[in-house]
Amino acid sequence: MDSIVAGGGLKASRPSVERIRADFPLLSRNIEGKPLVYLDNAATSQKPRAVIDAVSRYYSFENANVHRAIHRLGEEATSAYERARERIRSFLNAGSSTEIVFTRGTTESINLVASTWGRSKLGSGDVILISGMEHHSDIVPWQLLRAERGVVLKYIPVEEDGSIDLARMEESWDARTRLVCVTQTSNVLGTINDVAAIAGIAHGRGAALLVDGAQSTPHMPVDLRQLDCDFFAFSAHKVYGPMGIGVLYGREEILETMPPWMGGGDMIRSVGLQESTWNDLPWKFEAGTPNVEGAIGLAAALDYVESLGFERIEALESALTTKALDALGSVEGLHLHGRAGRRGPVFSFTLDGIHAHDLAQFLDREGIAVRAGHHCAQPLMRALGVPATVRASFAFYNTVREIELLVRAIEGARRFYT
């Protein structure tokens, strides 16, 4: 039998997918009288009982505000909150917990960098080089900075197979390039980019590197010392944790030079009528009452992920990726967008004669949850020449049987609409 640890997690004993699925209550639901097939993990993942219990336990027995109370509950909440920060540091192999800043998610993390580092370090004519497959949250903050500071935005083109050619990246370089922004894994194409190689190019030419890790963190080990990036952002809800909390990693020496973003409680050392001084890292960037339960839930999610082990997770998801590529490739009239050699379990496709939204609604009636639209990547959609795609995204708790049900439902939609 599989061995269970406190809170519903699993020891690294190669549990079966069926046993893993039992840890996720929502996966037992029926939709339209059919068992739920949840294939929208790139939008948000489901939560294991260990995470649900951790959040409930905090509110039931430890609920208090952090950092300012001297009573027992406040001390316990503060300890749990800061333990969560250290848990994240360990998970990412960052150098210090002072480099781990809590935010509301990847979007806020990138906006924080744009609003503080960008405003203080970049001026008119400085260049930000952005990959052509970025999520809007790694485009729009830089557009806002361009309007304010006059920076120049340049884009690394995406190849036909959905990859980035590093030679073409170097061709896109400008002498005034100060920052490179790239996703580690595309939320549309599933492409896994070689962040360490990109970091070598950026640092070799005097630029900083920001990495959107929202789609990579759930699926692969992230070692920040190996990646050598300057900023890394991810969201808890993608990696089986709660919504409304995320992380910005920044090199300590860079964070020290950045001014605060928001003003208020906890980010100050002292306040006068005319001037204030700022708290130490990382609290300088954490104004106001934090999402304590979210941090605790994220730590529980990371415990759960590591209890399975990334070797096991990658093996399960690699098998699903291979199966999905073969199965989707057999569907008449289906066009899969993105076939890079290194890819994660994310598949965007269109089907001849059927709008993506209509196909997604048909699948929903079969109990299959997928995403349809531009996936917050409109520039990439235009580059692909499509207004929208259907996206099926997998996690380690999905099964080969669910891929078969997806393909059968797509075939049913093709017959229904054509």
Protein backbone atom coordinates (compact mmCIF):
# COMPACT_ATOMS: atom_id res chain seq x y z
CA MET A 1 0.00 0.00 0.00
CA ASP A 2 1.02 3.60 -0.52
CA SER A 3 2.24 5.33 2.62
CA ILE A 4 0.38 8.45 3.72
CA VAL A 5 1.95 11.36 5.56
CA ALA A 6 0.17 13.84 7.83
CA GLY A 7 -2.24 16.14 6.01
CA GLY A 8 -3.03 13.74 3.19
CA GLY A 9 0.29 13.89 1.30
CA LEU A 10 2.19 10.93 -0.09
CA LYS A 11 5.65 9.67 0.56
CA ALA A 12 7.83 9.21 -2.48
CA SER A 13 6.72 5.58 -3.01
CA ARG A 14 5.57 5.81 -6.62
CA PRO A 15 1.84 5.93 -5.81
CA SER A 16 -0.56 5.00 -8.58
CA VAL A 17 -2.40 7.73 -10.45
CA GLU A 18 -5.64 6.43 -8.94
CA ARG A 19 -4.20 6.89 -5.46
CA ILE A 20 -2.95 10.37 -6.33
CA ARG A 21 -6.38 11.34 -7.69
CA ALA A 22 -7.95 10.35 -4.38
CA ASP A 23 -6.04 13.23 -2.76
CA PHE A 24 -7.91 15.78 -4.93
CA PRO A 25 -11.57 16.02 -3.84
CA LEU A 26 -12.82 17.99 -6.82
CA LEU A 27 -11.73 15.32 -9.30
CA SER A 28 -14.58 13.11 -8.03
CA ARG A 29 -17.24 15.49 -9.37
CA ASN A 30 -19.63 14.75 -12.21
CA ILE A 31 -20.42 17.32 -14.90
CA GLU A 32 -23.55 16.92 -17.03
CA GLY A 33 -23.94 13.46 -15.53
CA LYS A 34 -20.44 12.42 -16.63
CA PRO A 35 -17.23 12.08 -14.62
CA LEU A 36 -15.24 15.31 -14.71
CA VAL A 37 -12.24 15.30 -17.04
CA TYR A 38 -10.27 18.31 -15.86
CA LEU A 39 -7.86 19.48 -18.58
CA ASP A 40 -7.53 23.18 -17.67
CA ASN A 41 -4.49 22.91 -15.43
CA ALA A 42 -2.61 25.71 -17.20
CA ALA A 43 -5.35 28.06 -16.00
CA THR A 44 -5.41 26.69 -12.46
CA SER A 45 -4.65 23.36 -10.86
CA GLN A 46 -6.84 21.43 -8.45
CA LYS A 47 -5.92 21.35 -4.77
CA PRO A 48 -4.97 18.28 -2.75
CA ARG A 49 -6.59 17.64 0.59
CA ALA A 50 -3.26 18.51 2.27
CA VAL A 51 -3.56 22.11 1.02
CA ILE A 52 -7.23 22.41 1.88
CA ASP A 53 -6.55 21.07 5.37
CA ALA A 54 -3.57 23.39 5.91
CA VAL A 55 -5.64 26.48 5.13
CA SER A 56 -8.54 25.25 7.24
CA ARG A 57 -6.22 24.41 10.13
CA TYR A 58 -4.73 27.91 10.06
CA TYR A 59 -8.15 29.57 10.25
CA SER A 60 -9.36 27.10 12.86
CA PHE A 61 -6.41 27.25 15.28
CA GLU A 62 -3.81 29.92 14.37
CA ASN A 63 -5.62 32.87 12.79
CA ALA A 64 -3.94 36.16 13.73
CA ASN A 65 -2.10 38.99 12.04
CA VAL A 66 1.63 38.61 11.63
CA HIS A 67 4.80 40.48 12.58
CA ARG A 68 3.26 43.00 14.98
CA ALA A 69 1.56 40.97 17.70
CA ILE A 70 3.32 39.77 20.83
CA HIS A 71 0.55 37.39 21.88
CA ARG A 72 0.81 33.64 21.31
CA LEU A 73 -1.48 33.46 18.26
CA GLY A 74 0.36 36.29 16.52
CA GLU A 75 3.69 34.62 17.16
CA GLU A 76 2.41 31.29 15.85
CA ALA A 77 0.97 32.90 12.70
CA THR A 78 4.21 34.83 12.09
CA SER A 79 6.26 31.67 12.53
CA ALA A 80 4.05 29.75 10.08
CA TYR A 81 4.19 32.60 7.54
CA GLU A 82 7.97 32.89 7.66
CA ARG A 83 8.40 29.10 7.58
CA ALA A 84 6.42 29.18 4.35
CA ARG A 85 8.87 31.72 2.94
CA GLU A 86 11.79 29.47 3.82
CA ARG A 87 9.95 26.49 2.31
CA ILE A 88 9.68 28.37 -0.98
CA ARG A 89 13.34 29.36 -0.85
CA SER A 90 14.27 25.71 -0.46
CA PHE A 91 11.93 24.62 -3.24
CA LEU A 92 13.52 27.09 -5.66
CA ASN A 93 17.06 26.70 -4.31
CA ALA A 94 17.34 30.45 -3.85
CA GLY A 95 20.28 31.77 -1.87
CA SER A 96 18.34 33.44 0.93
CA SER A 97 14.77 33.80 2.18
CA THR A 98 15.29 37.56 1.93
CA GLU A 99 15.08 37.07 -1.84
CA ILE A 100 11.54 35.66 -1.61
CA VAL A 101 8.82 38.33 -1.83
CA PHE A 102 5.16 37.39 -1.45
CA THR A 103 2.80 38.91 -4.02
CA ARG A 104 -0.69 38.16 -5.30
CA GLY A 105 0.70 36.13 -8.20
CA THR A 106 2.92 36.17 -11.26
CA THR A 107 1.18 39.23 -12.68
CA GLU A 108 1.77 41.32 -9.58
CA SER A 109 5.35 40.07 -9.33
CA ILE A 110 6.17 41.30 -12.83
CA ASN A 111 4.35 44.58 -12.23
CA LEU A 112 6.41 45.07 -9.08
CA VAL A 113 9.64 44.71 -11.06
CA ALA A 114 8.39 47.05 -13.79
CA SER A 115 7.22 49.66 -11.30
CA THR A 116 10.30 49.66 -9.08
CA TRP A 117 13.36 48.31 -10.89
CA GLY A 118 12.07 49.56 -14.24
CA ARG A 119 11.25 53.06 -13.09
CA SER A 120 14.50 53.48 -11.18
CA LYS A 121 16.88 51.83 -13.67
CA LEU A 122 15.49 52.42 -17.18
CA GLY A 123 15.18 55.57 -19.22
CA SER A 124 14.28 56.77 -22.69
CA GLY A 125 15.84 54.60 -25.39
CA ASP A 126 16.70 51.67 -23.12
CA VAL A 127 15.54 48.39 -24.65
CA ILE A 128 13.51 45.56 -23.13
CA LEU A 129 13.73 42.37 -25.19
CA ILE A 130 10.64 40.18 -24.80
CA SER A 131 9.91 36.76 -26.25
CA GLY A 132 7.08 36.54 -28.75
CA MET A 133 5.27 33.88 -26.71
CA GLU A 134 4.77 35.88 -23.52
CA HIS A 135 1.58 36.09 -21.49
CA HIS A 136 0.02 39.56 -21.38
CA SER A 137 1.32 39.95 -17.82
CA ASP A 138 4.85 39.99 -19.25
CA ILE A 139 3.97 42.48 -21.98
CA VAL A 140 1.51 45.04 -20.64
CA PRO A 141 3.59 46.17 -17.61
CA TRP A 142 6.43 47.00 -19.97
CA GLN A 143 4.06 48.87 -22.30
CA LEU A 144 2.98 50.97 -19.32
CA LEU A 145 6.63 51.65 -18.55
CA ARG A 146 7.24 52.60 -22.17
CA ALA A 147 4.46 55.18 -21.99
CA GLU A 148 5.95 56.64 -18.81
CA ARG A 149 9.70 56.33 -19.37
CA GLY A 150 10.14 56.03 -23.12
CA VAL A 151 11.75 52.60 -23.10
CA VAL A 152 11.79 50.59 -26.32
CA LEU A 153 10.16 47.16 -26.58
CA LYS A 154 11.65 44.62 -28.99
CA TYR A 155 10.50 41.04 -29.49
CA ILE A 156 12.28 37.74 -30.04
CA PRO A 157 10.41 35.96 -32.87
CA VAL A 158 8.84 32.56 -32.34
CA GLU A 159 9.83 29.88 -34.83
CA GLU A 160 7.28 27.80 -36.76
CA ASP A 161 7.66 24.89 -34.34
CA GLY A 162 6.98 27.19 -31.38
CA SER A 163 10.58 27.49 -30.19
CA ILE A 164 12.98 30.39 -29.73
CA ASP A 165 16.12 30.35 -31.86
CA LEU A 166 18.91 31.75 -29.67
CA ALA A 167 20.79 32.91 -32.76
CA ARG A 168 17.78 35.01 -33.76
CA MET A 169 17.58 36.29 -30.20
CA GLU A 170 21.13 37.56 -30.53
CA GLU A 171 20.21 39.13 -33.88
CA SER A 172 17.42 41.01 -32.07
CA TRP A 173 19.90 42.42 -29.56
CA ASP A 174 20.43 46.14 -29.24
CA ALA A 175 23.40 47.85 -27.63
CA ARG A 176 20.98 49.43 -25.16
CA THR A 177 19.20 46.21 -24.18
CA ARG A 178 18.87 46.30 -20.40
CA LEU A 179 16.36 43.52 -19.68
CA VAL A 180 15.25 40.23 -21.25
CA CYS A 181 11.81 38.82 -20.39
CA VAL A 182 11.00 35.20 -21.20
CA THR A 183 8.64 32.50 -20.03
CA GLN A 184 10.23 29.24 -19.00
CA THR A 185 7.24 27.29 -20.37
CA SER A 186 4.70 28.75 -22.80
CA ASN A 187 1.11 28.72 -21.55
CA VAL A 188 -0.07 28.30 -25.17
CA LEU A 189 2.50 26.16 -26.96
CA GLY A 190 3.96 24.15 -24.11
CA THR A 191 7.46 25.12 -25.28
CA ILE A 192 10.18 24.85 -22.64
CA ASN A 193 12.79 27.55 -23.17
CA ASP A 194 16.46 27.16 -22.30
CA VAL A 195 16.56 29.78 -19.56
CA ALA A 196 20.14 29.08 -18.52
CA ALA A 197 21.37 29.66 -22.08
CA ILE A 198 19.33 32.85 -22.35
CA ALA A 199 20.78 34.01 -19.02
CA GLY A 200 24.28 33.44 -20.37
CA ILE A 201 23.57 35.63 -23.39
CA ALA A 202 21.87 38.36 -21.33
CA HIS A 203 24.50 38.55 -18.62
CA GLY A 204 27.32 38.33 -21.13
CA ARG A 205 25.99 41.53 -22.66
CA GLY A 206 25.20 43.34 -19.42
CA ALA A 207 21.43 42.81 -19.29
CA ALA A 208 19.21 41.40 -16.55
CA LEU A 209 16.82 38.47 -17.04
CA LEU A 210 13.25 38.10 -15.78
CA VAL A 211 11.62 34.67 -16.04
CA ASP A 212 7.89 33.92 -15.92
CA GLY A 213 7.78 30.58 -14.14
CA ALA A 214 4.00 30.26 -13.79
CA GLN A 215 3.76 27.28 -16.16
CA SER A 216 7.07 25.60 -15.37
CA THR A 217 6.99 25.45 -11.58
CA PRO A 218 4.25 22.78 -11.39
CA HIS A 219 5.95 20.44 -13.84
CA MET A 220 9.72 20.50 -13.34
CA PRO A 221 12.30 21.23 -10.67
CA VAL A 222 13.35 24.87 -10.66
CA ASP A 223 16.90 25.55 -9.48
CA LEU A 224 17.46 29.29 -9.48
CA ARG A 225 21.19 28.93 -9.01
CA GLN A 226 21.41 26.88 -12.20
CA LEU A 227 19.00 29.10 -14.14
CA ASP A 228 21.01 32.19 -13.09
CA CYS A 229 18.10 34.58 -13.67
CA ASP A 230 17.76 37.91 -11.86
CA PHE A 231 14.00 37.74 -11.31
CA PHE A 232 11.66 34.74 -11.25
CA ALA A 233 7.89 34.86 -10.74
CA PHE A 234 5.27 32.19 -10.17
CA SER A 235 1.73 31.75 -8.83
CA ALA A 236 0.63 29.35 -6.10
CA HIS A 237 -2.60 28.34 -7.80
CA LYS A 238 -0.74 26.84 -10.76
CA VAL A 239 1.27 24.57 -8.47
CA TYR A 240 -1.67 23.08 -6.52
CA GLY A 241 -1.80 25.90 -3.97
CA PRO A 242 -4.35 28.62 -3.17
CA MET A 243 -5.35 31.48 -5.43
CA GLY A 244 -4.38 35.05 -4.63
CA ILE A 245 -0.75 34.49 -3.66
CA GLY A 246 2.46 34.24 -5.61
CA VAL A 247 6.17 34.82 -5.36
CA LEU A 248 8.77 37.14 -6.77
CA TYR A 249 12.34 36.01 -6.46
CA GLY A 250 14.95 38.70 -6.96
CA ARG A 251 18.69 38.68 -6.42
CA GLU A 252 19.34 40.23 -3.03
CA GLU A 253 21.79 42.81 -4.35
CA ILE A 254 19.22 43.94 -6.94
CA LEU A 255 16.28 44.05 -4.52
CA GLU A 256 18.35 46.19 -2.16
CA THR A 257 18.63 48.89 -4.83
CA MET A 258 14.92 48.92 -5.68
CA PRO A 259 12.54 51.42 -4.05
CA PRO A 260 9.31 50.19 -2.45
CA TRP A 261 6.25 49.80 -4.62
CA MET A 262 3.34 50.22 -2.21
CA GLY A 263 3.37 52.21 1.02
CA GLY A 264 1.75 51.23 4.28
CA GLY A 265 2.19 48.95 7.23
CA ASP A 266 5.03 46.45 7.58
CA MET A 267 7.15 47.87 4.77
CA ILE A 268 8.42 50.71 6.99
CA ARG A 269 11.07 51.00 9.66
CA SER A 270 9.95 54.43 10.84
CA VAL A 271 7.40 57.03 9.71
CA GLY A 272 7.61 60.78 10.20
CA LEU A 273 5.31 63.52 9.04
CA GLN A 274 7.46 64.24 6.00
CA GLU A 275 9.71 61.23 5.49
CA SER A 276 9.86 57.52 6.22
CA THR A 277 12.52 54.83 6.18
CA TRP A 278 12.03 51.33 4.81
CA ASN A 279 12.07 47.91 6.35
CA ASP A 280 14.64 45.24 5.52
CA LEU A 281 14.19 42.74 2.69
CA PRO A 282 11.86 41.17 1.83
CA TRP A 283 9.31 43.08 3.92
CA LYS A 284 10.16 46.35 2.14
CA PHE A 285 7.95 45.08 -0.69
CA GLU A 286 5.13 43.61 1.41
CA ALA A 287 2.88 46.48 2.50
CA GLY A 288 -0.28 45.74 4.46
CA THR A 289 -1.78 42.59 5.92
CA PRO A 290 -0.39 39.65 3.94
CA ASN A 291 -2.16 36.56 2.64
CA VAL A 292 -0.98 34.41 5.52
CA GLU A 293 -3.26 31.46 4.78
CA GLY A 294 -2.18 31.58 1.15
CA ALA A 295 1.49 31.33 2.09
CA ILE A 296 0.76 28.42 4.40
CA GLY A 297 -1.31 26.72 1.70
CA LEU A 298 1.48 27.24 -0.85
CA ALA A 299 4.02 25.66 1.51
CA ALA A 300 1.69 22.67 1.92
CA ALA A 301 1.36 22.41 -1.87
CA LEU A 302 5.13 22.38 -2.31
CA ASP A 303 5.41 19.71 0.38
CA TYR A 304 2.87 17.64 -1.53
CA VAL A 305 4.66 18.07 -4.87
CA GLU A 306 8.00 17.12 -3.38
CA SER A 307 6.46 14.15 -1.59
CA LEU A 308 5.59 12.76 -5.01
CA GLY A 309 8.95 13.80 -6.42
CA PHE A 310 9.61 15.50 -9.73
CA GLU A 311 11.08 12.32 -11.16
CA ARG A 312 7.66 10.69 -10.71
CA ILE A 313 5.76 13.80 -11.86
CA GLU A 314 7.86 14.16 -15.02
CA ALA A 315 7.49 10.47 -15.84
CA LEU A 316 3.69 10.63 -15.53
CA GLU A 317 3.39 13.84 -17.50
CA SER A 318 5.86 12.75 -20.17
CA ALA A 319 3.75 9.66 -20.84
CA LEU A 320 0.63 11.84 -21.07
CA THR A 321 2.39 14.26 -23.43
CA THR A 322 3.50 11.47 -25.77
CA LYS A 323 0.03 9.93 -25.78
CA ALA A 324 -1.69 13.27 -26.36
CA LEU A 325 0.60 14.17 -29.27
CA ASP A 326 -0.17 10.87 -30.96
CA ALA A 327 -3.89 10.91 -30.21
CA LEU A 328 -4.54 14.51 -31.19
CA GLY A 329 -2.41 14.07 -34.31
CA SER A 330 -4.76 11.33 -35.48
CA VAL A 331 -7.86 13.57 -35.51
CA GLU A 332 -8.88 14.62 -39.01
CA GLY A 333 -8.82 18.39 -39.48
CA LEU A 334 -7.11 19.10 -36.14
CA HIS A 335 -4.16 21.52 -36.20
CA LEU A 336 -1.80 21.44 -33.23
CA HIS A 337 0.06 24.72 -32.62
CA GLY A 338 3.56 24.29 -31.25
CA ARG A 339 5.75 21.23 -31.79
CA ALA A 340 9.00 22.21 -30.14
CA GLY A 341 11.26 19.35 -29.11
CA ARG A 342 11.24 20.36 -25.44
CA ARG A 343 7.67 20.87 -24.35
CA GLY A 344 5.37 20.55 -21.37
CA PRO A 345 1.89 18.97 -21.21
CA VAL A 346 0.06 21.91 -22.81
CA PHE A 347 -1.69 21.51 -26.19
CA SER A 348 -3.34 24.28 -28.18
CA PHE A 349 -5.27 23.29 -31.29
CA THR A 350 -7.91 24.30 -33.77
CA LEU A 351 -10.38 22.09 -35.65
CA ASP A 352 -11.43 22.83 -39.21
CA GLY A 353 -14.90 24.32 -39.48
CA ILE A 354 -15.50 24.75 -35.74
CA HIS A 355 -14.80 27.86 -33.68
CA ALA A 356 -12.68 27.20 -30.61
CA HIS A 357 -15.43 28.45 -28.27
CA ASP A 358 -18.02 26.15 -29.86
CA LEU A 359 -15.70 23.17 -29.54
CA ALA A 360 -14.98 23.95 -25.88
CA GLN A 361 -18.71 24.19 -25.14
CA PHE A 362 -19.31 20.86 -26.85
CA LEU A 363 -16.54 19.29 -24.76
CA ASP A 364 -18.01 20.76 -21.60
CA ARG A 365 -21.29 18.94 -22.29
CA GLU A 366 -19.19 15.77 -22.28
CA GLY A 367 -17.78 16.64 -18.86
CA ILE A 368 -14.42 17.76 -20.27
CA ALA A 369 -13.03 21.07 -18.99
CA VAL A 370 -10.67 22.80 -21.42
CA ARG A 371 -9.84 26.44 -22.12
CA ALA A 372 -10.76 28.32 -25.31
CA GLY A 373 -9.69 31.79 -26.43
CA HIS A 374 -6.46 33.72 -26.86
CA HIS A 375 -5.09 32.56 -23.47
CA CYS A 376 -3.85 36.06 -22.60
CA ALA A 377 -1.42 35.83 -25.52
CA GLN A 378 -2.98 37.87 -28.32
CA PRO A 379 0.32 38.79 -30.02
CA LEU A 380 1.17 35.09 -30.24
CA MET A 381 -2.30 34.29 -31.61
CA ARG A 382 -1.77 36.84 -34.37
CA ALA A 383 1.63 35.32 -35.14
CA LEU A 384 -0.04 31.90 -35.39
CA GLY A 385 -2.71 33.36 -37.68
CA VAL A 386 -5.65 32.24 -35.54
CA PRO A 387 -8.14 34.22 -33.42
CA ALA A 388 -8.35 31.57 -30.72
CA THR A 389 -7.45 27.99 -29.89
CA VAL A 390 -8.70 25.23 -27.66
CA ARG A 391 -6.16 24.40 -24.97
CA ALA A 392 -5.98 21.09 -23.13
CA SER A 393 -3.42 21.10 -20.32
CA PHE A 394 -2.49 18.14 -18.18
CA ALA A 395 -1.22 17.45 -14.67
CA PHE A 396 0.16 14.34 -13.02
CA TYR A 397 -3.33 13.33 -11.86
CA ASN A 398 -4.68 13.06 -15.41
CA THR A 399 -4.91 9.70 -17.16
CA VAL A 400 -4.53 8.11 -20.58
CA ARG A 401 -8.23 7.28 -20.40
CA GLU A 402 -9.00 11.00 -20.16
CA ILE A 403 -6.99 11.64 -23.33
CA GLU A 404 -9.05 8.97 -25.06
CA LEU A 405 -12.27 10.60 -23.85
CA LEU A 406 -11.02 13.98 -25.11
CA VAL A 407 -10.26 12.62 -28.57
CA ARG A 408 -13.57 10.77 -28.74
CA ALA A 409 -15.42 13.97 -27.82
CA ILE A 410 -13.49 16.00 -30.43
CA GLU A 411 -14.44 13.42 -33.05
CA GLY A 412 -18.05 13.72 -31.88
CA ALA A 413 -17.92 17.51 -32.26
CA ARG A 414 -16.48 17.20 -35.77
CA ARG A 415 -19.38 14.95 -36.80
CA PHE A 416 -21.93 17.19 -35.08
CA TYR A 417 -20.78 20.45 -36.66
CA THR A 418 -19.78 19.19 -40.14
